[in-house]
Amino acid sequence: MIPKKVIEIRVSKALYRSKLPDLDYSINPYQGCAFGCIYCYARHFTGIKEAAERWGEVVAVKINFVEVLKREILRGARKGVVGVSTITDPYMPIEAKYQLTRNSLELLLKYGFRVSIQTKSPLVLRDYYLLKAFREIVDIGMTITTMDPSLAKVIEPGAPHPLARARTLKKFSKAWIYTWIFLGPIIPGLNDKEEHIEPVIEAAKDSDSLVVFDMFNIYDITWNYMKEKLDKSEVMKIYKTVKYGSEGYWSRIRRKVFKICSKHGVTCIDFQWYDPFNKWSNWINWRKAWYKDKKRRSIEFNFLDNWTTG
């Protein structure tokens, strides 16, 4: 979806320390998001008031973003894992015009930063050959909350079709790039039933992707928006479950997800879970294991590329 209004702004900083435990930095070349997902926590962290209040309609473009990012890198920013992006989608349709994500990726990869992309958009395929060339320091995640297009239209009104997202991930996986699906948030009464979860796990199986799943958290500005978009009965069920019964509810959901994952032979991780005695139980350690193994695997991948193309 093309936003109704685009605001061009200038910034003084591009590379931010991330508060997410699995990332060192985050970059967000845009503020606001044209996909307008009703559950998105990013509204709470969007500094441009109009973009936050008119979610899905207004997007701010940081027109000098790449220039600032380059300056920060050349000044000696310590290398680490960069999330692209954390409070917007880096591949909204306007990215085709501004190419801030593309140019940022070229810089980050050139200077040896590891890049973790999370998007809902097949537009990421535009950068297929760039990402393939640096696959030893790249992973790509696709958010898929449901494979049901009718439900997706309600909770992600401007986002690309879930099937298009799954097919995009499969293409990257075939290029020996690490891929993962973010199944989140899982919202009580909306996408928490087996008939919603299992098709997402099947898509992960088809693309040989890991699944990271997460619960729904309530932020005031997001919650008020959801109340406008959903039936009153749905809203009350979500609120009561998340506010007063989340622990027991989430235990049941975790068991359900792991059961489906086991059935299909897919590795699934609860984003919130951390077990210091089991390094494979949490997302942070999975990332570390990926990166440790990538240098060796990239040599194997290059060999396979040459072998399959003759």
C-alpha atoms as a PDB file:
ATOM      1  CA  MET A   1       0.000   0.000   0.000  1.00  0.00           C
ATOM      2  CA  ILE A   2       1.250   3.470  -0.911  1.00  0.00           C
ATOM      3  CA  PRO A   3       0.938   5.903   2.033  1.00  0.00           C
ATOM      4  CA  LYS A   4      -1.469   8.803   1.621  1.00  0.00           C
ATOM      5  CA  LYS A   5       1.194  11.219   2.815  1.00  0.00           C
ATOM      6  CA  VAL A   6       4.996  11.121   2.683  1.00  0.00           C
ATOM      7  CA  ILE A   7       7.041  13.468   4.877  1.00  0.00           C
ATOM      8  CA  GLU A   8      10.699  13.988   4.002  1.00  0.00           C
ATOM      9  CA  ILE A   9      12.886  14.664   7.033  1.00  0.00           C
ATOM     10  CA  ARG A  10      16.585  14.971   7.816  1.00  0.00           C
ATOM     11  CA  VAL A  11      18.257  13.164  10.705  1.00  0.00           C
ATOM     12  CA  SER A  12      21.514  13.413  12.644  1.00  0.00           C
ATOM     13  CA  LYS A  13      21.787   9.748  13.619  1.00  0.00           C
ATOM     14  CA  ALA A  14      21.183   6.459  11.775  1.00  0.00           C
ATOM     15  CA  LEU A  15      22.774   3.569  13.681  1.00  0.00           C
ATOM     16  CA  TYR A  16      21.121   3.042  17.071  1.00  0.00           C
ATOM     17  CA  ARG A  17      21.998   0.604  19.830  1.00  0.00           C
ATOM     18  CA  SER A  18      19.206  -1.959  19.938  1.00  0.00           C
ATOM     19  CA  LYS A  19      17.336  -2.892  23.093  1.00  0.00           C
ATOM     20  CA  LEU A  20      16.442  -6.262  21.577  1.00  0.00           C
ATOM     21  CA  PRO A  21      18.652  -8.967  23.094  1.00  0.00           C
ATOM     22  CA  ASP A  22      19.568 -10.595  19.786  1.00  0.00           C
ATOM     23  CA  LEU A  23      20.707  -7.399  18.016  1.00  0.00           C
ATOM     24  CA  ASP A  24      23.547  -4.947  18.590  1.00  0.00           C
ATOM     25  CA  TYR A  25      22.114  -2.170  16.424  1.00  0.00           C
ATOM     26  CA  SER A  26      18.994  -1.240  14.532  1.00  0.00           C
ATOM     27  CA  ILE A  27      18.426   0.978  11.533  1.00  0.00           C
ATOM     28  CA  ASN A  28      15.078   2.441  10.519  1.00  0.00           C
ATOM     29  CA  PRO A  29      15.309   4.501   7.323  1.00  0.00           C
ATOM     30  CA  TYR A  30      11.596   5.267   7.602  1.00  0.00           C
ATOM     31  CA  GLN A  31       9.187   6.129  10.403  1.00  0.00           C
ATOM     32  CA  GLY A  32       5.624   4.919  10.244  1.00  0.00           C
ATOM     33  CA  CYS A  33       4.570   1.977   8.119  1.00  0.00           C
ATOM     34  CA  ALA A  34       2.289   1.785   5.108  1.00  0.00           C
ATOM     35  CA  PHE A  35       1.233  -1.775   5.936  1.00  0.00           C
ATOM     36  CA  GLY A  36      -0.907  -0.509   8.827  1.00  0.00           C
ATOM     37  CA  CYS A  37      -0.918  -3.703  10.917  1.00  0.00           C
ATOM     38  CA  ILE A  38      -3.375  -3.180  13.742  1.00  0.00           C
ATOM     39  CA  TYR A  39      -1.287  -5.022  16.345  1.00  0.00           C
ATOM     40  CA  CYS A  40       2.067  -3.330  15.679  1.00  0.00           C
ATOM     41  CA  TYR A  41       4.025  -2.180  18.711  1.00  0.00           C
ATOM     42  CA  ALA A  42       6.115   0.167  16.527  1.00  0.00           C
ATOM     43  CA  ARG A  43       3.494   2.933  16.792  1.00  0.00           C
ATOM     44  CA  HIS A  44       4.503   3.272  20.435  1.00  0.00           C
ATOM     45  CA  PHE A  45       8.108   4.021  19.404  1.00  0.00           C
ATOM     46  CA  THR A  46       7.444   6.205  16.356  1.00  0.00           C
ATOM     47  CA  GLY A  47       8.723   9.698  17.064  1.00  0.00           C
ATOM     48  CA  ILE A  48       6.880  11.442  14.239  1.00  0.00           C
ATOM     49  CA  LYS A  49       3.497  12.175  15.812  1.00  0.00           C
ATOM     50  CA  GLU A  50       1.506  12.283  12.579  1.00  0.00           C
ATOM     51  CA  ALA A  51       2.977   8.961  11.407  1.00  0.00           C
ATOM     52  CA  ALA A  52       2.103   7.325  14.734  1.00  0.00           C
ATOM     53  CA  GLU A  53      -1.434   8.713  14.883  1.00  0.00           C
ATOM     54  CA  ARG A  54      -2.284   8.057  11.217  1.00  0.00           C
ATOM     55  CA  TRP A  55      -0.842   4.556  11.191  1.00  0.00           C
ATOM     56  CA  GLY A  56      -0.693   3.096   7.690  1.00  0.00           C
ATOM     57  CA  GLU A  57      -1.395   6.449   6.059  1.00  0.00           C
ATOM     58  CA  VAL A  58       1.654   8.611   6.826  1.00  0.00           C
ATOM     59  CA  VAL A  59       5.315   7.646   6.421  1.00  0.00           C
ATOM     60  CA  ALA A  60       8.362   9.794   7.159  1.00  0.00           C
ATOM     61  CA  VAL A  61      11.387   9.319   4.905  1.00  0.00           C
ATOM     62  CA  LYS A  62      14.843  10.100   6.288  1.00  0.00           C
ATOM     63  CA  ILE A  63      16.271  11.483   3.081  1.00  0.00           C
ATOM     64  CA  ASN A  64      19.857  11.903   4.360  1.00  0.00           C
ATOM     65  CA  PHE A  65      19.877   8.548   6.144  1.00  0.00           C
ATOM     66  CA  VAL A  66      22.540   6.832   4.030  1.00  0.00           C
ATOM     67  CA  GLU A  67      24.879   9.815   4.252  1.00  0.00           C
ATOM     68  CA  VAL A  68      24.605   9.815   8.061  1.00  0.00           C
ATOM     69  CA  LEU A  69      25.033   6.028   8.269  1.00  0.00           C
ATOM     70  CA  LYS A  70      28.213   6.193   6.197  1.00  0.00           C
ATOM     71  CA  ARG A  71      29.623   8.904   8.431  1.00  0.00           C
ATOM     72  CA  GLU A  72      28.940   6.841  11.552  1.00  0.00           C
ATOM     73  CA  ILE A  73      30.560   3.746  10.061  1.00  0.00           C
ATOM     74  CA  LEU A  74      33.662   5.623   8.922  1.00  0.00           C
ATOM     75  CA  ARG A  75      33.995   7.192  12.364  1.00  0.00           C
ATOM     76  CA  GLY A  76      34.563   3.707  13.728  1.00  0.00           C
ATOM     77  CA  ALA A  77      31.241   2.238  14.813  1.00  0.00           C
ATOM     78  CA  ARG A  78      32.024  -1.153  16.329  1.00  0.00           C
ATOM     79  CA  LYS A  79      30.897  -4.049  14.131  1.00  0.00           C
ATOM     80  CA  GLY A  80      27.897  -6.058  15.265  1.00  0.00           C
ATOM     81  CA  VAL A  81      24.498  -7.427  14.245  1.00  0.00           C
ATOM     82  CA  VAL A  82      22.226  -4.795  12.690  1.00  0.00           C
ATOM     83  CA  GLY A  83      18.454  -5.262  12.621  1.00  0.00           C
ATOM     84  CA  VAL A  84      16.831  -4.001   9.407  1.00  0.00           C
ATOM     85  CA  SER A  85      14.349  -2.781  10.601  1.00  0.00           C
ATOM     86  CA  THR A  86      12.778  -2.786  14.077  1.00  0.00           C
ATOM     87  CA  ILE A  87      10.067  -0.082  14.091  1.00  0.00           C
ATOM     88  CA  THR A  88       9.112   0.018  10.425  1.00  0.00           C
ATOM     89  CA  ASP A  89       9.156  -2.290   7.434  1.00  0.00           C
ATOM     90  CA  PRO A  90      12.335  -1.691   5.408  1.00  0.00           C
ATOM     91  CA  TYR A  91      10.667  -2.831   2.187  1.00  0.00           C
ATOM     92  CA  MET A  92       7.484  -0.785   2.010  1.00  0.00           C
ATOM     93  CA  PRO A  93       6.520   0.175  -1.565  1.00  0.00           C
ATOM     94  CA  ILE A  94       8.149   3.621  -1.227  1.00  0.00           C
ATOM     95  CA  GLU A  95      11.501   1.862  -0.783  1.00  0.00           C
ATOM     96  CA  ALA A  96      11.346   1.184  -4.523  1.00  0.00           C
ATOM     97  CA  LYS A  97      11.635   4.945  -5.033  1.00  0.00           C
ATOM     98  CA  TYR A  98      13.966   6.050  -2.234  1.00  0.00           C
ATOM     99  CA  GLN A  99      16.165   2.906  -1.984  1.00  0.00           C
ATOM    100  CA  LEU A 100      17.345   3.832   1.500  1.00  0.00           C
ATOM    101  CA  THR A 101      17.311   0.212   2.637  1.00  0.00           C
ATOM    102  CA  ARG A 102      19.232  -0.968  -0.422  1.00  0.00           C
ATOM    103  CA  ASN A 103      21.920   1.683  -0.060  1.00  0.00           C
ATOM    104  CA  SER A 104      22.180   1.101   3.689  1.00  0.00           C
ATOM    105  CA  LEU A 105      22.655  -2.629   3.137  1.00  0.00           C
ATOM    106  CA  GLU A 106      25.427  -2.009   0.630  1.00  0.00           C
ATOM    107  CA  LEU A 107      27.273   0.085   3.209  1.00  0.00           C
ATOM    108  CA  LEU A 108      26.770  -2.249   6.146  1.00  0.00           C
ATOM    109  CA  LEU A 109      27.793  -5.350   4.222  1.00  0.00           C
ATOM    110  CA  LYS A 110      30.788  -3.655   2.619  1.00  0.00           C
ATOM    111  CA  TYR A 111      32.157  -2.764   6.046  1.00  0.00           C
ATOM    112  CA  GLY A 112      31.522  -6.186   7.582  1.00  0.00           C
ATOM    113  CA  PHE A 113      28.417  -5.669   9.722  1.00  0.00           C
ATOM    114  CA  ARG A 114      26.144  -8.663  10.120  1.00  0.00           C
ATOM    115  CA  VAL A 115      22.643  -7.923   8.866  1.00  0.00           C
ATOM    116  CA  SER A 116      19.354  -9.374  10.055  1.00  0.00           C
ATOM    117  CA  ILE A 117      16.400  -8.371   7.881  1.00  0.00           C
ATOM    118  CA  GLN A 118      12.799  -8.623   9.026  1.00  0.00           C
ATOM    119  CA  THR A 119      10.028  -7.694   6.623  1.00  0.00           C
ATOM    120  CA  LYS A 120       6.606  -8.620   5.263  1.00  0.00           C
ATOM    121  CA  SER A 121       7.433  -7.655   1.698  1.00  0.00           C
ATOM    122  CA  PRO A 122       8.542  -9.549  -1.424  1.00  0.00           C
ATOM    123  CA  LEU A 123      10.294  -6.329  -2.470  1.00  0.00           C
ATOM    124  CA  VAL A 124      13.299  -7.732  -0.608  1.00  0.00           C
ATOM    125  CA  LEU A 125      13.809  -9.928  -3.693  1.00  0.00           C
ATOM    126  CA  ARG A 126      15.027  -6.819  -5.505  1.00  0.00           C
ATOM    127  CA  ASP A 127      18.190  -7.155  -3.396  1.00  0.00           C
ATOM    128  CA  TYR A 128      18.511 -10.914  -3.976  1.00  0.00           C
ATOM    129  CA  TYR A 129      21.954 -10.875  -5.609  1.00  0.00           C
ATOM    130  CA  LEU A 130      23.411  -8.433  -3.091  1.00  0.00           C
ATOM    131  CA  LEU A 131      22.219 -10.533  -0.154  1.00  0.00           C
ATOM    132  CA  LYS A 132      23.325 -13.750  -1.796  1.00  0.00           C
ATOM    133  CA  ALA A 133      26.824 -12.358  -2.298  1.00  0.00           C
ATOM    134  CA  PHE A 134      27.091 -11.662   1.446  1.00  0.00           C
ATOM    135  CA  ARG A 135      25.064 -14.617   2.714  1.00  0.00           C
ATOM    136  CA  GLU A 136      27.653 -15.545   5.358  1.00  0.00           C
ATOM    137  CA  ILE A 137      26.708 -12.365   7.268  1.00  0.00           C
ATOM    138  CA  VAL A 138      23.008 -12.159   6.369  1.00  0.00           C
ATOM    139  CA  ASP A 139      19.804 -13.713   7.663  1.00  0.00           C
ATOM    140  CA  ILE A 140      16.289 -12.943   6.463  1.00  0.00           C
ATOM    141  CA  GLY A 141      13.115 -13.156   8.507  1.00  0.00           C
ATOM    142  CA  MET A 142       9.579 -12.852   7.190  1.00  0.00           C
ATOM    143  CA  THR A 143       6.737 -11.998   9.551  1.00  0.00           C
ATOM    144  CA  ILE A 144       3.774 -14.307   8.881  1.00  0.00           C
ATOM    145  CA  THR A 145       1.035 -14.192  11.492  1.00  0.00           C
ATOM    146  CA  THR A 146      -1.406 -16.262   9.445  1.00  0.00           C
ATOM    147  CA  MET A 147      -1.638 -17.866   6.016  1.00  0.00           C
ATOM    148  CA  ASP A 148      -5.354 -17.033   5.878  1.00  0.00           C
ATOM    149  CA  PRO A 149      -5.671 -14.041   3.495  1.00  0.00           C
ATOM    150  CA  SER A 150      -9.070 -13.022   4.896  1.00  0.00           C
ATOM    151  CA  LEU A 151      -7.714 -12.741   8.442  1.00  0.00           C
ATOM    152  CA  ALA A 152      -4.510 -11.101   7.196  1.00  0.00           C
ATOM    153  CA  LYS A 153      -6.622  -8.451   5.465  1.00  0.00           C
ATOM    154  CA  VAL A 154      -8.170  -7.544   8.819  1.00  0.00           C
ATOM    155  CA  ILE A 155      -5.053  -7.453  10.986  1.00  0.00           C
ATOM    156  CA  GLU A 156      -2.497  -6.480   8.291  1.00  0.00           C
ATOM    157  CA  PRO A 157      -4.628  -4.470   5.860  1.00  0.00           C
ATOM    158  CA  GLY A 158      -1.824  -3.018   3.747  1.00  0.00           C
ATOM    159  CA  ALA A 159       0.659  -5.873   3.863  1.00  0.00           C
ATOM    160  CA  PRO A 160       1.475  -8.268   0.994  1.00  0.00           C
ATOM    161  CA  HIS A 161      -0.324 -11.611   0.712  1.00  0.00           C
ATOM    162  CA  PRO A 162       1.025 -14.234   3.167  1.00  0.00           C
ATOM    163  CA  LEU A 163       1.642 -16.689   0.323  1.00  0.00           C
ATOM    164  CA  ALA A 164       3.868 -14.135  -1.441  1.00  0.00           C
ATOM    165  CA  ARG A 165       5.895 -13.794   1.752  1.00  0.00           C
ATOM    166  CA  ALA A 166       6.315 -17.557   2.090  1.00  0.00           C
ATOM    167  CA  ARG A 167       7.415 -17.906  -1.543  1.00  0.00           C
ATOM    168  CA  THR A 168       9.933 -15.089  -1.095  1.00  0.00           C
ATOM    169  CA  LEU A 169      11.491 -16.812   1.897  1.00  0.00           C
ATOM    170  CA  LYS A 170      11.752 -20.076  -0.014  1.00  0.00           C
ATOM    171  CA  LYS A 171      13.730 -18.409  -2.797  1.00  0.00           C
ATOM    172  CA  PHE A 172      16.253 -17.005  -0.327  1.00  0.00           C
ATOM    173  CA  SER A 173      16.516 -20.337   1.446  1.00  0.00           C
ATOM    174  CA  LYS A 174      17.351 -22.033  -1.850  1.00  0.00           C
ATOM    175  CA  ALA A 175      20.214 -19.530  -2.193  1.00  0.00           C
ATOM    176  CA  TRP A 176      21.714 -20.939   1.058  1.00  0.00           C
ATOM    177  CA  ILE A 177      20.742 -17.861   3.069  1.00  0.00           C
ATOM    178  CA  TYR A 178      19.541 -18.424   6.639  1.00  0.00           C
ATOM    179  CA  THR A 179      15.809 -17.815   6.794  1.00  0.00           C
ATOM    180  CA  TRP A 180      13.261 -17.646   9.563  1.00  0.00           C
ATOM    181  CA  ILE A 181       9.592 -16.912  10.057  1.00  0.00           C
ATOM    182  CA  PHE A 182       8.386 -14.638  12.824  1.00  0.00           C
ATOM    183  CA  LEU A 183       5.017 -15.998  13.916  1.00  0.00           C
ATOM    184  CA  GLY A 184       3.958 -13.086  16.002  1.00  0.00           C
ATOM    185  CA  PRO A 185       2.201 -11.731  17.657  1.00  0.00           C
ATOM    186  CA  ILE A 186      -0.081 -14.645  18.447  1.00  0.00           C
ATOM    187  CA  ILE A 187      -3.286 -12.865  19.447  1.00  0.00           C
ATOM    188  CA  PRO A 188      -5.967 -14.557  21.602  1.00  0.00           C
ATOM    189  CA  GLY A 189      -9.028 -15.473  19.553  1.00  0.00           C
ATOM    190  CA  LEU A 190      -7.573 -14.274  16.246  1.00  0.00           C
ATOM    191  CA  ASN A 191      -4.622 -16.364  15.097  1.00  0.00           C
ATOM    192  CA  ASP A 192      -4.047 -18.719  18.039  1.00  0.00           C
ATOM    193  CA  LYS A 193      -6.021 -21.706  16.773  1.00  0.00           C
ATOM    194  CA  GLU A 194      -4.367 -24.734  15.252  1.00  0.00           C
ATOM    195  CA  GLU A 195      -5.875 -24.003  11.841  1.00  0.00           C
ATOM    196  CA  HIS A 196      -4.003 -20.671  11.822  1.00  0.00           C
ATOM    197  CA  ILE A 197      -0.718 -21.847  13.322  1.00  0.00           C
ATOM    198  CA  GLU A 198      -0.200 -25.076  11.365  1.00  0.00           C
ATOM    199  CA  PRO A 199      -0.160 -23.531   7.849  1.00  0.00           C
ATOM    200  CA  VAL A 200       2.568 -21.113   8.986  1.00  0.00           C
ATOM    201  CA  ILE A 201       4.626 -24.026  10.297  1.00  0.00           C
ATOM    202  CA  GLU A 202       4.046 -25.841   6.999  1.00  0.00           C
ATOM    203  CA  ALA A 203       5.358 -22.766   5.155  1.00  0.00           C
ATOM    204  CA  ALA A 204       8.448 -22.880   7.362  1.00  0.00           C
ATOM    205  CA  LYS A 205       8.903 -26.552   6.539  1.00  0.00           C
ATOM    206  CA  ASP A 206       8.582 -25.824   2.816  1.00  0.00           C
ATOM    207  CA  SER A 207      11.252 -23.119   2.956  1.00  0.00           C
ATOM    208  CA  ASP A 208      13.497 -24.923   5.459  1.00  0.00           C
ATOM    209  CA  SER A 209      13.121 -22.001   7.846  1.00  0.00           C
ATOM    210  CA  LEU A 210      13.290 -21.733  11.598  1.00  0.00           C
ATOM    211  CA  VAL A 211      10.225 -20.306  13.395  1.00  0.00           C
ATOM    212  CA  VAL A 212      10.362 -17.699  16.144  1.00  0.00           C
ATOM    213  CA  PHE A 213       6.999 -17.126  17.805  1.00  0.00           C
ATOM    214  CA  ASP A 214       5.879 -14.489  20.278  1.00  0.00           C
ATOM    215  CA  MET A 215       2.903 -13.409  22.343  1.00  0.00           C
ATOM    216  CA  PHE A 216       0.885 -10.221  21.975  1.00  0.00           C
ATOM    217  CA  ASN A 217       1.754  -7.312  24.271  1.00  0.00           C
ATOM    218  CA  ILE A 218      -0.569  -4.373  24.853  1.00  0.00           C
ATOM    219  CA  TYR A 219       0.620  -0.814  24.246  1.00  0.00           C
ATOM    220  CA  ASP A 220      -1.917   1.978  24.756  1.00  0.00           C
ATOM    221  CA  ILE A 221      -1.740   3.575  21.319  1.00  0.00           C
ATOM    222  CA  THR A 222      -1.863   0.175  19.591  1.00  0.00           C
ATOM    223  CA  TRP A 223      -4.662  -1.044  21.812  1.00  0.00           C
ATOM    224  CA  ASN A 224      -6.842   1.969  21.057  1.00  0.00           C
ATOM    225  CA  TYR A 225      -6.343   1.358  17.334  1.00  0.00           C
ATOM    226  CA  MET A 226      -7.294  -2.313  17.671  1.00  0.00           C
ATOM    227  CA  LYS A 227     -10.498  -1.354  19.472  1.00  0.00           C
ATOM    228  CA  GLU A 228     -11.491   0.686  16.423  1.00  0.00           C
ATOM    229  CA  LYS A 229     -10.823  -2.169  13.991  1.00  0.00           C
ATOM    230  CA  LEU A 230     -12.180  -5.240  15.801  1.00  0.00           C
ATOM    231  CA  ASP A 231     -15.540  -6.354  17.183  1.00  0.00           C
ATOM    232  CA  LYS A 232     -16.161  -5.560  20.836  1.00  0.00           C
ATOM    233  CA  SER A 233     -16.336  -9.255  21.768  1.00  0.00           C
ATOM    234  CA  GLU A 234     -12.929  -9.901  20.173  1.00  0.00           C
ATOM    235  CA  VAL A 235     -11.424  -6.916  21.919  1.00  0.00           C
ATOM    236  CA  MET A 236     -12.675  -7.983  25.353  1.00  0.00           C
ATOM    237  CA  LYS A 237     -11.361 -11.525  24.926  1.00  0.00           C
ATOM    238  CA  ILE A 238      -7.914 -10.261  23.923  1.00  0.00           C
ATOM    239  CA  TYR A 239      -7.764  -7.789  26.798  1.00  0.00           C
ATOM    240  CA  LYS A 240      -8.868 -10.247  29.490  1.00  0.00           C
ATOM    241  CA  THR A 241      -6.501 -12.948  28.275  1.00  0.00           C
ATOM    242  CA  VAL A 242      -3.428 -10.765  27.910  1.00  0.00           C
ATOM    243  CA  LYS A 243      -3.987  -8.694  31.058  1.00  0.00           C
ATOM    244  CA  TYR A 244      -5.250 -11.317  33.496  1.00  0.00           C
ATOM    245  CA  GLY A 245      -4.582 -14.784  32.179  1.00  0.00           C
ATOM    246  CA  SER A 246      -1.455 -14.524  30.074  1.00  0.00           C
ATOM    247  CA  GLU A 247       0.715 -17.005  31.980  1.00  0.00           C
ATOM    248  CA  GLY A 248      -1.655 -19.973  31.774  1.00  0.00           C
ATOM    249  CA  TYR A 249      -2.784 -19.027  28.283  1.00  0.00           C
ATOM    250  CA  TRP A 250       0.729 -18.728  26.918  1.00  0.00           C
ATOM    251  CA  SER A 251       1.758 -22.073  28.411  1.00  0.00           C
ATOM    252  CA  ARG A 252      -1.063 -23.715  26.459  1.00  0.00           C
ATOM    253  CA  ILE A 253      -0.129 -21.871  23.263  1.00  0.00           C
ATOM    254  CA  ARG A 254       3.541 -22.839  23.622  1.00  0.00           C
ATOM    255  CA  ARG A 255       2.611 -26.499  23.953  1.00  0.00           C
ATOM    256  CA  LYS A 256       0.348 -26.239  20.923  1.00  0.00           C
ATOM    257  CA  VAL A 257       3.016 -24.576  18.772  1.00  0.00           C
ATOM    258  CA  PHE A 258       5.751 -27.020  19.803  1.00  0.00           C
ATOM    259  CA  LYS A 259       3.454 -29.972  19.119  1.00  0.00           C
ATOM    260  CA  ILE A 260       2.745 -28.736  15.584  1.00  0.00           C
ATOM    261  CA  CYS A 261       6.434 -27.985  15.019  1.00  0.00           C
ATOM    262  CA  SER A 262       7.401 -31.463  16.153  1.00  0.00           C
ATOM    263  CA  LYS A 263       4.817 -32.972  13.808  1.00  0.00           C
ATOM    264  CA  HIS A 264       6.403 -31.211  10.827  1.00  0.00           C
ATOM    265  CA  GLY A 265      10.027 -31.434  11.910  1.00  0.00           C
ATOM    266  CA  VAL A 266      10.452 -27.657  12.190  1.00  0.00           C
ATOM    267  CA  THR A 267      12.641 -25.960  14.788  1.00  0.00           C
ATOM    268  CA  CYS A 268      10.565 -23.449  16.741  1.00  0.00           C
ATOM    269  CA  ILE A 269      11.671 -21.013  19.422  1.00  0.00           C
ATOM    270  CA  ASP A 270       9.649 -18.935  21.869  1.00  0.00           C
ATOM    271  CA  PHE A 271      11.117 -15.426  21.563  1.00  0.00           C
ATOM    272  CA  GLN A 272      10.479 -14.663  25.243  1.00  0.00           C
ATOM    273  CA  TRP A 273      11.923 -17.883  26.627  1.00  0.00           C
ATOM    274  CA  TYR A 274      15.422 -18.059  28.063  1.00  0.00           C
ATOM    275  CA  ASP A 275      16.945 -21.157  29.629  1.00  0.00           C
ATOM    276  CA  PRO A 276      20.584 -20.652  30.703  1.00  0.00           C
ATOM    277  CA  PHE A 277      21.055 -24.431  30.897  1.00  0.00           C
ATOM    278  CA  ASN A 278      19.828 -25.160  27.364  1.00  0.00           C
ATOM    279  CA  LYS A 279      21.498 -22.999  24.742  1.00  0.00           C
ATOM    280  CA  TRP A 280      19.199 -24.263  21.969  1.00  0.00           C
ATOM    281  CA  SER A 281      16.026 -23.146  23.747  1.00  0.00           C
ATOM    282  CA  ASN A 282      16.310 -19.446  22.979  1.00  0.00           C
ATOM    283  CA  TRP A 283      16.633 -17.148  19.994  1.00  0.00           C
ATOM    284  CA  ILE A 284      19.737 -15.308  21.194  1.00  0.00           C
ATOM    285  CA  ASN A 285      21.877 -18.442  21.284  1.00  0.00           C
ATOM    286  CA  TRP A 286      20.533 -19.632  17.947  1.00  0.00           C
ATOM    287  CA  ARG A 287      21.752 -16.404  16.372  1.00  0.00           C
ATOM    288  CA  LYS A 288      25.184 -16.804  17.957  1.00  0.00           C
ATOM    289  CA  ALA A 289      25.411 -20.382  16.700  1.00  0.00           C
ATOM    290  CA  TRP A 290      24.448 -19.275  13.188  1.00  0.00           C
ATOM    291  CA  TYR A 291      27.131 -16.623  13.058  1.00  0.00           C
ATOM    292  CA  LYS A 292      29.820 -18.901  14.465  1.00  0.00           C
ATOM    293  CA  ASP A 293      29.060 -21.496  11.813  1.00  0.00           C
ATOM    294  CA  LYS A 294      28.644 -19.166   8.840  1.00  0.00           C
ATOM    295  CA  LYS A 295      32.282 -18.736   7.833  1.00  0.00           C
ATOM    296  CA  ARG A 296      32.720 -22.475   7.303  1.00  0.00           C
ATOM    297  CA  ARG A 297      29.326 -22.901   5.676  1.00  0.00           C
ATOM    298  CA  SER A 298      29.874 -19.999   3.265  1.00  0.00           C
ATOM    299  CA  ILE A 299      32.809 -21.908   1.757  1.00  0.00           C
ATOM    300  CA  GLU A 300      30.530 -24.918   1.257  1.00  0.00           C
ATOM    301  CA  PHE A 301      27.804 -22.735  -0.255  1.00  0.00           C
ATOM    302  CA  ASN A 302      30.214 -21.176  -2.765  1.00  0.00           C
ATOM    303  CA  PHE A 303      31.339 -24.635  -3.789  1.00  0.00           C
ATOM    304  CA  LEU A 304      27.749 -25.763  -4.270  1.00  0.00           C
ATOM    305  CA  ASP A 305      26.960 -22.658  -6.343  1.00  0.00           C
ATOM    306  CA  ASN A 306      29.863 -23.413  -8.665  1.00  0.00           C
ATOM    307  CA  TRP A 307      28.964 -27.104  -8.835  1.00  0.00           C
ATOM    308  CA  THR A 308      25.272 -26.545  -9.653  1.00  0.00           C
ATOM    309  CA  THR A 309      25.975 -23.922 -12.311  1.00  0.00           C
ATOM    310  CA  GLY A 310      28.779 -25.877 -13.927  1.00  0.00           C
END
